[in-house]
Each structure stands twice: as structure tokens, then as C-alpha cells.
Amino acid sequence: MSQHLAVVEWSRGDQPFSDNQYSRAHEWRFDGGAVVRGSSAPSGVPEPLSDPAAVDPEEAMVAALSSCHMLFFLAYARKDGFVVDSYRDEAAGTLGKDERGKVSITEVVLRPAVTWSGDKRPDAAAIDDLHHRAHEACYIANSVRAEVRVEPQ
């Protein structure tokens, strides 16, 4: 097993707090040195209290699912002797009420478009199998309650 760390840091500065008019912008710091600007989603907390240029937690969850799926997909494609030239996923997450009545990400749809090269290229059945194995292996997909669908492009 392994541990994965992130530091999330927010500071009020000289803003009032009790009036609920404080900025939701903050930073995510990762052990490799990456710093990502985070914020609440503008759909939940309007600008200027949210930063639309920052990554909100909902987007981060969608990106984590997409990235995890892609990494396993690439690994399985390589093991099966295929050459992937590019992989682009326009993933989307839906925020709504779940079966418990709680607001949550209820569905994430991955829409990967893959470009292949080399002498050995997968047919539709092989591509479906690669996506199935990647989905089954993805740690993030195995960690969420939301339905995760893969719709290859």
C-alpha cells in the first residue's frame, strides 16, 4: 500500500468572514512540487467569491477518474502490443442528488479518443476490452459511488 499526500491551504487575509463574502480560492500543493489553484465551483458560489480559472473539487474528481483510466488503458495497450500515439478524453461529471438524497457526483462519462499506429492495431472488441480492464483496475473508479461510464470516441 502507499500513501498519497496533498496540502490544501486557504487564508482569509484581511477579508471579513462572518458575512459569507470571503474568497473560496485556495492552493493545492503536491509532493512533487506542483501547485494548483483551487476554488469552489462558480455554479455553487458565484464570482468573484469563486475563481473560475481555478480547479474546483468536482472538476478534480472528473480529471482524477479520467487520468487513472487513461494510465491503465495505456499500460494494457502496451502489454497487448499496441502503439498509442495520442489519447484525449473530454470527460464530464454530473452533480445531482443521489439515491440517498445527497448532492454528489452521480455520474462521470469518459469519452476517450485514441490514435493508434504500428503494424498491430486493435479492433473494436480489443478496444472495448482495454477500456473494460482499465475501468476495473482504476483505483479512483473503485473508490467512488458514482456511475462511471466509458464511451470511446
N, C-alpha and C. Protein backbone atom coordinates (compact mmCIF):
# COMPACT_ATOMS: atom_id res chain seq x y z
N MET A 1 0.84 -1.17 0.00
CA MET A 1 0.00 0.00 0.00
C MET A 1 0.89 1.23 0.00
N SER A 2 0.31 2.33 -0.41
CA SER A 2 1.07 3.57 -0.44
C SER A 2 0.20 4.71 0.05
N GLN A 3 0.85 5.79 0.40
CA GLN A 3 0.14 6.97 0.88
C GLN A 3 0.38 8.10 -0.09
N HIS A 4 -0.63 8.90 -0.33
CA HIS A 4 -0.55 9.99 -1.29
C HIS A 4 -0.99 11.26 -0.59
N LEU A 5 -0.13 12.27 -0.63
CA LEU A 5 -0.35 13.47 0.16
C LEU A 5 -0.65 14.69 -0.70
N ALA A 6 -1.46 15.55 -0.17
CA ALA A 6 -1.72 16.86 -0.75
C ALA A 6 -1.91 17.84 0.40
N VAL A 7 -1.44 19.05 0.20
CA VAL A 7 -1.67 20.10 1.18
C VAL A 7 -2.64 21.08 0.54
N VAL A 8 -3.74 21.33 1.21
CA VAL A 8 -4.73 22.31 0.76
C VAL A 8 -4.64 23.49 1.71
N GLU A 9 -4.41 24.68 1.15
CA GLU A 9 -4.17 25.84 2.00
C GLU A 9 -5.02 27.03 1.56
N TRP A 10 -5.74 27.60 2.52
CA TRP A 10 -6.56 28.79 2.32
C TRP A 10 -6.25 29.76 3.43
N SER A 11 -6.28 31.04 3.12
CA SER A 11 -6.07 32.05 4.14
C SER A 11 -7.08 33.18 3.94
N ARG A 12 -7.67 33.64 5.02
CA ARG A 12 -8.68 34.70 4.96
C ARG A 12 -8.08 36.03 4.60
N GLY A 13 -6.84 36.28 5.01
CA GLY A 13 -6.24 37.59 4.78
C GLY A 13 -7.01 38.66 5.52
N ASP A 14 -7.28 39.78 4.88
CA ASP A 14 -8.00 40.87 5.55
C ASP A 14 -9.49 40.89 5.20
N GLN A 15 -9.99 39.79 4.61
CA GLN A 15 -11.40 39.72 4.25
C GLN A 15 -12.26 39.52 5.49
N PRO A 16 -13.48 40.06 5.48
CA PRO A 16 -14.41 39.67 6.53
C PRO A 16 -14.74 38.18 6.35
N PHE A 17 -15.27 37.56 7.33
CA PHE A 17 -15.61 36.14 7.24
C PHE A 17 -17.07 35.88 7.58
N SER A 18 -17.55 36.52 8.62
CA SER A 18 -18.89 36.23 9.12
C SER A 18 -19.99 36.65 8.14
N ASP A 19 -19.69 37.52 7.17
CA ASP A 19 -20.71 37.95 6.20
C ASP A 19 -20.82 37.00 5.00
N ASN A 20 -20.01 35.91 4.99
CA ASN A 20 -20.02 34.90 3.92
C ASN A 20 -19.52 35.44 2.58
N GLN A 21 -18.85 36.56 2.59
CA GLN A 21 -18.36 37.18 1.35
C GLN A 21 -16.85 37.02 1.21
N TYR A 22 -16.32 35.90 1.62
CA TYR A 22 -14.88 35.63 1.55
C TYR A 22 -14.56 34.83 0.29
N SER A 23 -13.36 34.98 -0.19
CA SER A 23 -12.91 34.23 -1.37
C SER A 23 -12.77 32.75 -1.03
N ARG A 24 -13.20 31.92 -1.98
CA ARG A 24 -13.04 30.47 -1.83
C ARG A 24 -11.77 29.98 -2.51
N ALA A 25 -11.02 30.87 -3.13
CA ALA A 25 -9.77 30.49 -3.81
C ALA A 25 -8.75 29.99 -2.79
N HIS A 26 -8.01 28.97 -3.18
CA HIS A 26 -7.01 28.36 -2.30
C HIS A 26 -5.96 27.67 -3.17
N GLU A 27 -5.01 27.00 -2.55
CA GLU A 27 -3.98 26.28 -3.30
C GLU A 27 -3.93 24.83 -2.89
N TRP A 28 -3.65 24.00 -3.89
CA TRP A 28 -3.35 22.58 -3.67
C TRP A 28 -1.87 22.42 -3.93
N ARG A 29 -1.15 21.85 -2.99
CA ARG A 29 0.29 21.61 -3.15
C ARG A 29 0.54 20.10 -3.08
N PHE A 30 1.32 19.63 -4.03
CA PHE A 30 1.59 18.20 -4.12
C PHE A 30 3.06 17.93 -3.86
N ASP A 31 3.36 16.69 -3.44
CA ASP A 31 4.71 16.34 -3.01
C ASP A 31 5.76 16.50 -4.09
N GLY A 32 5.39 16.46 -5.35
CA GLY A 32 6.36 16.65 -6.43
C GLY A 32 6.65 18.11 -6.73
N GLY A 33 5.96 19.02 -6.03
CA GLY A 33 6.20 20.44 -6.21
C GLY A 33 5.11 21.16 -6.99
N ALA A 34 4.19 20.44 -7.58
CA ALA A 34 3.12 21.10 -8.34
C ALA A 34 2.21 21.88 -7.39
N VAL A 35 1.83 23.05 -7.83
CA VAL A 35 0.89 23.88 -7.10
C VAL A 35 -0.26 24.19 -8.05
N VAL A 36 -1.47 23.92 -7.62
CA VAL A 36 -2.65 24.12 -8.44
C VAL A 36 -3.58 25.06 -7.69
N ARG A 37 -4.08 26.06 -8.40
CA ARG A 37 -5.05 26.97 -7.80
C ARG A 37 -6.40 26.27 -7.75
N GLY A 38 -6.99 26.24 -6.57
CA GLY A 38 -8.29 25.63 -6.38
C GLY A 38 -9.32 26.66 -5.96
N SER A 39 -10.57 26.31 -6.12
CA SER A 39 -11.67 27.19 -5.73
C SER A 39 -12.94 26.37 -5.69
N SER A 40 -13.97 26.94 -5.11
CA SER A 40 -15.30 26.34 -5.25
C SER A 40 -15.74 26.54 -6.69
N ALA A 41 -16.70 25.76 -7.12
CA ALA A 41 -17.23 25.91 -8.48
C ALA A 41 -18.09 27.17 -8.54
N PRO A 42 -17.92 27.96 -9.60
CA PRO A 42 -18.76 29.15 -9.73
C PRO A 42 -20.26 28.84 -9.80
N SER A 43 -20.62 27.61 -10.16
CA SER A 43 -22.03 27.23 -10.17
C SER A 43 -22.58 27.11 -8.75
N GLY A 44 -21.71 26.90 -7.78
CA GLY A 44 -22.14 26.77 -6.39
C GLY A 44 -21.95 28.05 -5.59
N VAL A 45 -20.85 28.74 -5.85
CA VAL A 45 -20.55 30.01 -5.20
C VAL A 45 -20.18 30.98 -6.31
N PRO A 46 -21.01 31.99 -6.56
CA PRO A 46 -20.77 32.86 -7.71
C PRO A 46 -19.49 33.69 -7.60
N GLU A 47 -19.01 34.12 -8.79
CA GLU A 47 -17.89 35.05 -8.84
C GLU A 47 -18.30 36.34 -8.14
N PRO A 48 -17.43 37.07 -7.56
CA PRO A 48 -15.99 36.90 -7.50
C PRO A 48 -15.53 36.05 -6.31
N LEU A 49 -16.48 35.44 -5.59
CA LEU A 49 -16.09 34.64 -4.43
C LEU A 49 -15.48 33.31 -4.85
N SER A 50 -15.78 32.85 -6.06
CA SER A 50 -15.12 31.68 -6.66
C SER A 50 -14.26 32.17 -7.80
N ASP A 51 -13.20 31.43 -8.08
CA ASP A 51 -12.29 31.75 -9.17
C ASP A 51 -12.54 30.76 -10.31
N PRO A 52 -13.19 31.20 -11.40
CA PRO A 52 -13.50 30.26 -12.49
C PRO A 52 -12.26 29.73 -13.21
N ALA A 53 -11.12 30.40 -13.05
CA ALA A 53 -9.89 29.93 -13.68
C ALA A 53 -9.22 28.83 -12.86
N ALA A 54 -9.67 28.63 -11.63
CA ALA A 54 -9.09 27.62 -10.75
C ALA A 54 -9.81 26.29 -10.94
N VAL A 55 -9.23 25.23 -10.41
CA VAL A 55 -9.82 23.89 -10.47
C VAL A 55 -10.71 23.72 -9.25
N ASP A 56 -11.97 23.34 -9.51
CA ASP A 56 -12.85 23.08 -8.38
C ASP A 56 -12.82 21.59 -8.06
N PRO A 57 -13.24 21.20 -6.85
CA PRO A 57 -13.16 19.79 -6.46
C PRO A 57 -13.92 18.85 -7.40
N GLU A 58 -15.03 19.31 -7.95
CA GLU A 58 -15.80 18.47 -8.87
C GLU A 58 -14.99 18.18 -10.13
N GLU A 59 -14.37 19.22 -10.69
CA GLU A 59 -13.52 19.03 -11.87
C GLU A 59 -12.34 18.12 -11.55
N ALA A 60 -11.78 18.29 -10.35
CA ALA A 60 -10.63 17.47 -9.96
C ALA A 60 -11.02 16.00 -9.88
N MET A 61 -12.22 15.71 -9.39
CA MET A 61 -12.66 14.33 -9.32
C MET A 61 -12.80 13.73 -10.72
N VAL A 62 -13.40 14.50 -11.63
CA VAL A 62 -13.56 14.03 -13.01
C VAL A 62 -12.19 13.81 -13.64
N ALA A 63 -11.27 14.75 -13.45
CA ALA A 63 -9.92 14.62 -14.01
C ALA A 63 -9.19 13.42 -13.42
N ALA A 64 -9.35 13.19 -12.12
CA ALA A 64 -8.68 12.04 -11.47
C ALA A 64 -9.20 10.73 -12.05
N LEU A 65 -10.51 10.63 -12.24
CA LEU A 65 -11.07 9.41 -12.85
C LEU A 65 -10.55 9.21 -14.26
N SER A 66 -10.55 10.28 -15.04
CA SER A 66 -10.10 10.21 -16.43
C SER A 66 -8.62 9.83 -16.51
N SER A 67 -7.81 10.47 -15.69
CA SER A 67 -6.38 10.22 -15.69
C SER A 67 -6.06 8.78 -15.28
N CYS A 68 -6.72 8.31 -14.23
CA CYS A 68 -6.49 6.95 -13.76
C CYS A 68 -6.87 5.94 -14.84
N HIS A 69 -8.03 6.13 -15.46
CA HIS A 69 -8.47 5.23 -16.53
C HIS A 69 -7.45 5.24 -17.67
N MET A 70 -7.01 6.43 -18.07
CA MET A 70 -6.05 6.55 -19.18
C MET A 70 -4.75 5.82 -18.87
N LEU A 71 -4.24 5.98 -17.66
CA LEU A 71 -2.96 5.36 -17.32
C LEU A 71 -3.04 3.84 -17.39
N PHE A 72 -4.12 3.27 -16.89
CA PHE A 72 -4.29 1.81 -17.02
C PHE A 72 -4.52 1.40 -18.47
N PHE A 73 -5.29 2.18 -19.22
CA PHE A 73 -5.53 1.88 -20.63
C PHE A 73 -4.21 1.83 -21.39
N LEU A 74 -3.36 2.85 -21.19
CA LEU A 74 -2.06 2.88 -21.87
C LEU A 74 -1.20 1.67 -21.49
N ALA A 75 -1.21 1.32 -20.22
CA ALA A 75 -0.41 0.19 -19.76
C ALA A 75 -0.89 -1.11 -20.40
N TYR A 76 -2.20 -1.32 -20.44
CA TYR A 76 -2.74 -2.54 -21.05
C TYR A 76 -2.53 -2.55 -22.56
N ALA A 77 -2.66 -1.41 -23.21
CA ALA A 77 -2.43 -1.34 -24.66
C ALA A 77 -0.98 -1.74 -24.97
N ARG A 78 -0.04 -1.22 -24.20
CA ARG A 78 1.37 -1.57 -24.41
C ARG A 78 1.60 -3.04 -24.19
N LYS A 79 1.06 -3.59 -23.10
CA LYS A 79 1.24 -5.01 -22.81
C LYS A 79 0.66 -5.89 -23.91
N ASP A 80 -0.41 -5.41 -24.56
CA ASP A 80 -1.04 -6.18 -25.63
C ASP A 80 -0.38 -5.95 -26.99
N GLY A 81 0.70 -5.15 -27.01
CA GLY A 81 1.46 -4.95 -28.25
C GLY A 81 0.95 -3.85 -29.16
N PHE A 82 0.07 -2.97 -28.65
CA PHE A 82 -0.44 -1.86 -29.45
C PHE A 82 0.38 -0.60 -29.18
N VAL A 83 0.42 0.29 -30.16
CA VAL A 83 1.12 1.56 -30.01
C VAL A 83 0.08 2.68 -30.01
N VAL A 84 0.02 3.41 -28.91
CA VAL A 84 -0.89 4.55 -28.79
C VAL A 84 -0.09 5.81 -29.10
N ASP A 85 -0.59 6.60 -30.04
CA ASP A 85 0.06 7.89 -30.36
C ASP A 85 -0.53 9.03 -29.55
N SER A 86 -1.82 9.00 -29.32
CA SER A 86 -2.44 10.06 -28.53
C SER A 86 -3.71 9.54 -27.88
N TYR A 87 -4.06 10.20 -26.80
CA TYR A 87 -5.25 9.85 -26.03
C TYR A 87 -5.82 11.16 -25.52
N ARG A 88 -7.03 11.46 -25.85
CA ARG A 88 -7.69 12.69 -25.39
C ARG A 88 -9.07 12.31 -24.86
N ASP A 89 -9.37 12.73 -23.66
CA ASP A 89 -10.64 12.42 -23.03
C ASP A 89 -11.35 13.72 -22.66
N GLU A 90 -12.52 13.92 -23.21
CA GLU A 90 -13.35 15.06 -22.83
C GLU A 90 -14.39 14.54 -21.83
N ALA A 91 -13.92 14.32 -20.62
CA ALA A 91 -14.73 13.72 -19.57
C ALA A 91 -15.70 14.74 -18.98
N ALA A 92 -16.83 14.26 -18.49
CA ALA A 92 -17.84 15.13 -17.89
C ALA A 92 -18.43 14.47 -16.66
N GLY A 93 -18.59 15.24 -15.62
CA GLY A 93 -19.23 14.77 -14.40
C GLY A 93 -20.54 15.51 -14.18
N THR A 94 -21.52 14.80 -13.64
CA THR A 94 -22.82 15.39 -13.36
C THR A 94 -23.03 15.47 -11.86
N LEU A 95 -23.34 16.67 -11.39
CA LEU A 95 -23.63 16.88 -9.98
C LEU A 95 -25.15 16.86 -9.83
N GLY A 96 -25.64 16.03 -8.93
CA GLY A 96 -27.08 15.92 -8.72
C GLY A 96 -27.35 15.22 -7.40
N LYS A 97 -28.59 14.85 -7.19
CA LYS A 97 -28.94 14.13 -5.96
C LYS A 97 -28.85 12.64 -6.22
N ASP A 98 -28.21 11.95 -5.29
CA ASP A 98 -28.08 10.50 -5.40
C ASP A 98 -29.28 9.80 -4.77
N GLU A 99 -29.23 8.48 -4.71
CA GLU A 99 -30.35 7.69 -4.19
C GLU A 99 -30.61 7.95 -2.71
N ARG A 100 -29.65 8.56 -2.02
CA ARG A 100 -29.83 8.90 -0.60
C ARG A 100 -30.39 10.31 -0.43
N GLY A 101 -30.54 11.04 -1.56
CA GLY A 101 -31.00 12.42 -1.50
C GLY A 101 -29.89 13.41 -1.24
N LYS A 102 -28.64 12.94 -1.28
CA LYS A 102 -27.49 13.81 -1.05
C LYS A 102 -26.94 14.33 -2.38
N VAL A 103 -26.49 15.58 -2.38
CA VAL A 103 -25.86 16.13 -3.58
C VAL A 103 -24.50 15.48 -3.73
N SER A 104 -24.26 14.92 -4.90
CA SER A 104 -22.99 14.24 -5.16
C SER A 104 -22.75 14.20 -6.67
N ILE A 105 -21.54 13.80 -7.03
CA ILE A 105 -21.28 13.50 -8.44
C ILE A 105 -21.98 12.17 -8.69
N THR A 106 -23.04 12.20 -9.49
CA THR A 106 -23.84 11.00 -9.70
C THR A 106 -23.39 10.19 -10.90
N GLU A 107 -22.65 10.83 -11.79
CA GLU A 107 -22.20 10.12 -12.99
C GLU A 107 -20.98 10.82 -13.55
N VAL A 108 -20.07 10.04 -14.05
CA VAL A 108 -18.92 10.57 -14.80
C VAL A 108 -18.87 9.79 -16.10
N VAL A 109 -18.82 10.52 -17.19
CA VAL A 109 -18.72 9.89 -18.51
C VAL A 109 -17.34 10.22 -19.08
N LEU A 110 -16.60 9.17 -19.38
CA LEU A 110 -15.29 9.32 -20.02
C LEU A 110 -15.50 9.13 -21.51
N ARG A 111 -14.92 10.03 -22.30
CA ARG A 111 -15.08 9.98 -23.76
C ARG A 111 -13.70 9.97 -24.43
N PRO A 112 -12.95 8.91 -24.22
CA PRO A 112 -11.59 8.88 -24.76
C PRO A 112 -11.57 8.70 -26.28
N ALA A 113 -10.74 9.48 -26.93
CA ALA A 113 -10.46 9.32 -28.35
C ALA A 113 -8.99 8.94 -28.45
N VAL A 114 -8.72 7.81 -29.07
CA VAL A 114 -7.36 7.25 -29.10
C VAL A 114 -6.88 7.17 -30.54
N THR A 115 -5.63 7.56 -30.75
CA THR A 115 -4.99 7.43 -32.07
C THR A 115 -3.92 6.36 -31.96
N TRP A 116 -3.92 5.45 -32.92
CA TRP A 116 -3.03 4.29 -32.92
C TRP A 116 -2.06 4.37 -34.08
N SER A 117 -0.94 3.68 -33.95
CA SER A 117 -0.02 3.49 -35.07
C SER A 117 0.63 2.11 -34.92
N GLY A 118 1.51 1.79 -35.85
CA GLY A 118 2.18 0.50 -35.80
C GLY A 118 1.46 -0.54 -36.64
N ASP A 119 2.08 -1.70 -36.73
CA ASP A 119 1.53 -2.78 -37.56
C ASP A 119 0.33 -3.46 -36.90
N LYS A 120 0.34 -3.54 -35.59
CA LYS A 120 -0.75 -4.22 -34.87
C LYS A 120 -1.70 -3.17 -34.30
N ARG A 121 -2.92 -3.16 -34.81
CA ARG A 121 -3.90 -2.19 -34.33
C ARG A 121 -5.12 -2.92 -33.79
N PRO A 122 -5.68 -2.42 -32.70
CA PRO A 122 -6.81 -3.11 -32.09
C PRO A 122 -8.10 -2.92 -32.89
N ASP A 123 -8.92 -3.96 -32.92
CA ASP A 123 -10.26 -3.83 -33.49
C ASP A 123 -11.19 -3.32 -32.38
N ALA A 124 -12.45 -3.14 -32.71
CA ALA A 124 -13.41 -2.60 -31.74
C ALA A 124 -13.51 -3.46 -30.48
N ALA A 125 -13.49 -4.76 -30.64
CA ALA A 125 -13.59 -5.65 -29.48
C ALA A 125 -12.37 -5.51 -28.58
N ALA A 126 -11.20 -5.38 -29.17
CA ALA A 126 -9.97 -5.21 -28.37
C ALA A 126 -9.98 -3.88 -27.64
N ILE A 127 -10.46 -2.83 -28.30
CA ILE A 127 -10.55 -1.51 -27.66
C ILE A 127 -11.53 -1.57 -26.49
N ASP A 128 -12.67 -2.20 -26.69
CA ASP A 128 -13.64 -2.36 -25.59
C ASP A 128 -13.02 -3.11 -24.43
N ASP A 129 -12.26 -4.16 -24.72
CA ASP A 129 -11.61 -4.95 -23.68
C ASP A 129 -10.58 -4.11 -22.92
N LEU A 130 -9.80 -3.30 -23.65
CA LEU A 130 -8.82 -2.42 -23.00
C LEU A 130 -9.52 -1.46 -22.04
N HIS A 131 -10.62 -0.86 -22.49
CA HIS A 131 -11.35 0.06 -21.62
C HIS A 131 -11.97 -0.67 -20.43
N HIS A 132 -12.48 -1.86 -20.66
CA HIS A 132 -13.08 -2.63 -19.56
C HIS A 132 -12.02 -2.95 -18.49
N ARG A 133 -10.87 -3.44 -18.94
CA ARG A 133 -9.80 -3.78 -17.98
C ARG A 133 -9.30 -2.53 -17.26
N ALA A 134 -9.16 -1.42 -18.00
CA ALA A 134 -8.70 -0.17 -17.38
C ALA A 134 -9.70 0.29 -16.32
N HIS A 135 -10.98 0.21 -16.63
CA HIS A 135 -12.01 0.63 -15.68
C HIS A 135 -11.99 -0.25 -14.43
N GLU A 136 -11.88 -1.54 -14.62
CA GLU A 136 -11.87 -2.47 -13.49
C GLU A 136 -10.65 -2.25 -12.60
N ALA A 137 -9.54 -1.84 -13.18
CA ALA A 137 -8.30 -1.68 -12.42
C ALA A 137 -8.15 -0.30 -11.78
N CYS A 138 -8.85 0.70 -12.29
CA CYS A 138 -8.66 2.08 -11.85
C CYS A 138 -8.99 2.25 -10.37
N TYR A 139 -8.00 2.67 -9.60
CA TYR A 139 -8.17 2.85 -8.16
C TYR A 139 -9.22 3.90 -7.85
N ILE A 140 -9.25 4.95 -8.65
CA ILE A 140 -10.17 6.04 -8.38
C ILE A 140 -11.60 5.58 -8.66
N ALA A 141 -11.82 4.92 -9.79
CA ALA A 141 -13.16 4.42 -10.10
C ALA A 141 -13.63 3.43 -9.03
N ASN A 142 -12.69 2.66 -8.50
CA ASN A 142 -13.04 1.70 -7.45
C ASN A 142 -13.34 2.38 -6.12
N SER A 143 -13.05 3.68 -6.04
CA SER A 143 -13.22 4.42 -4.78
C SER A 143 -14.46 5.29 -4.73
N VAL A 144 -15.17 5.42 -5.83
CA VAL A 144 -16.31 6.34 -5.86
C VAL A 144 -17.64 5.60 -5.98
N ARG A 145 -18.70 6.25 -5.53
CA ARG A 145 -20.04 5.69 -5.61
C ARG A 145 -20.71 6.01 -6.95
N ALA A 146 -20.27 7.07 -7.62
CA ALA A 146 -20.91 7.50 -8.86
C ALA A 146 -20.73 6.45 -9.95
N GLU A 147 -21.69 6.40 -10.85
CA GLU A 147 -21.55 5.55 -12.02
C GLU A 147 -20.46 6.16 -12.90
N VAL A 148 -19.56 5.35 -13.38
CA VAL A 148 -18.53 5.80 -14.32
C VAL A 148 -18.74 5.03 -15.61
N ARG A 149 -19.03 5.76 -16.67
CA ARG A 149 -19.24 5.13 -17.99
C ARG A 149 -18.11 5.52 -18.91
N VAL A 150 -17.73 4.61 -19.76
CA VAL A 150 -16.71 4.88 -20.78
C VAL A 150 -17.39 4.80 -22.13
N GLU A 151 -17.30 5.89 -22.88
CA GLU A 151 -17.87 5.96 -24.22
C GLU A 151 -16.77 6.33 -25.20
N PRO A 152 -15.99 5.35 -25.67
CA PRO A 152 -14.90 5.67 -26.59
C PRO A 152 -15.41 6.40 -27.82
N GLN A 153 -14.62 7.34 -28.27
CA GLN A 153 -14.98 8.16 -29.43
C GLN A 153 -14.41 7.57 -30.71
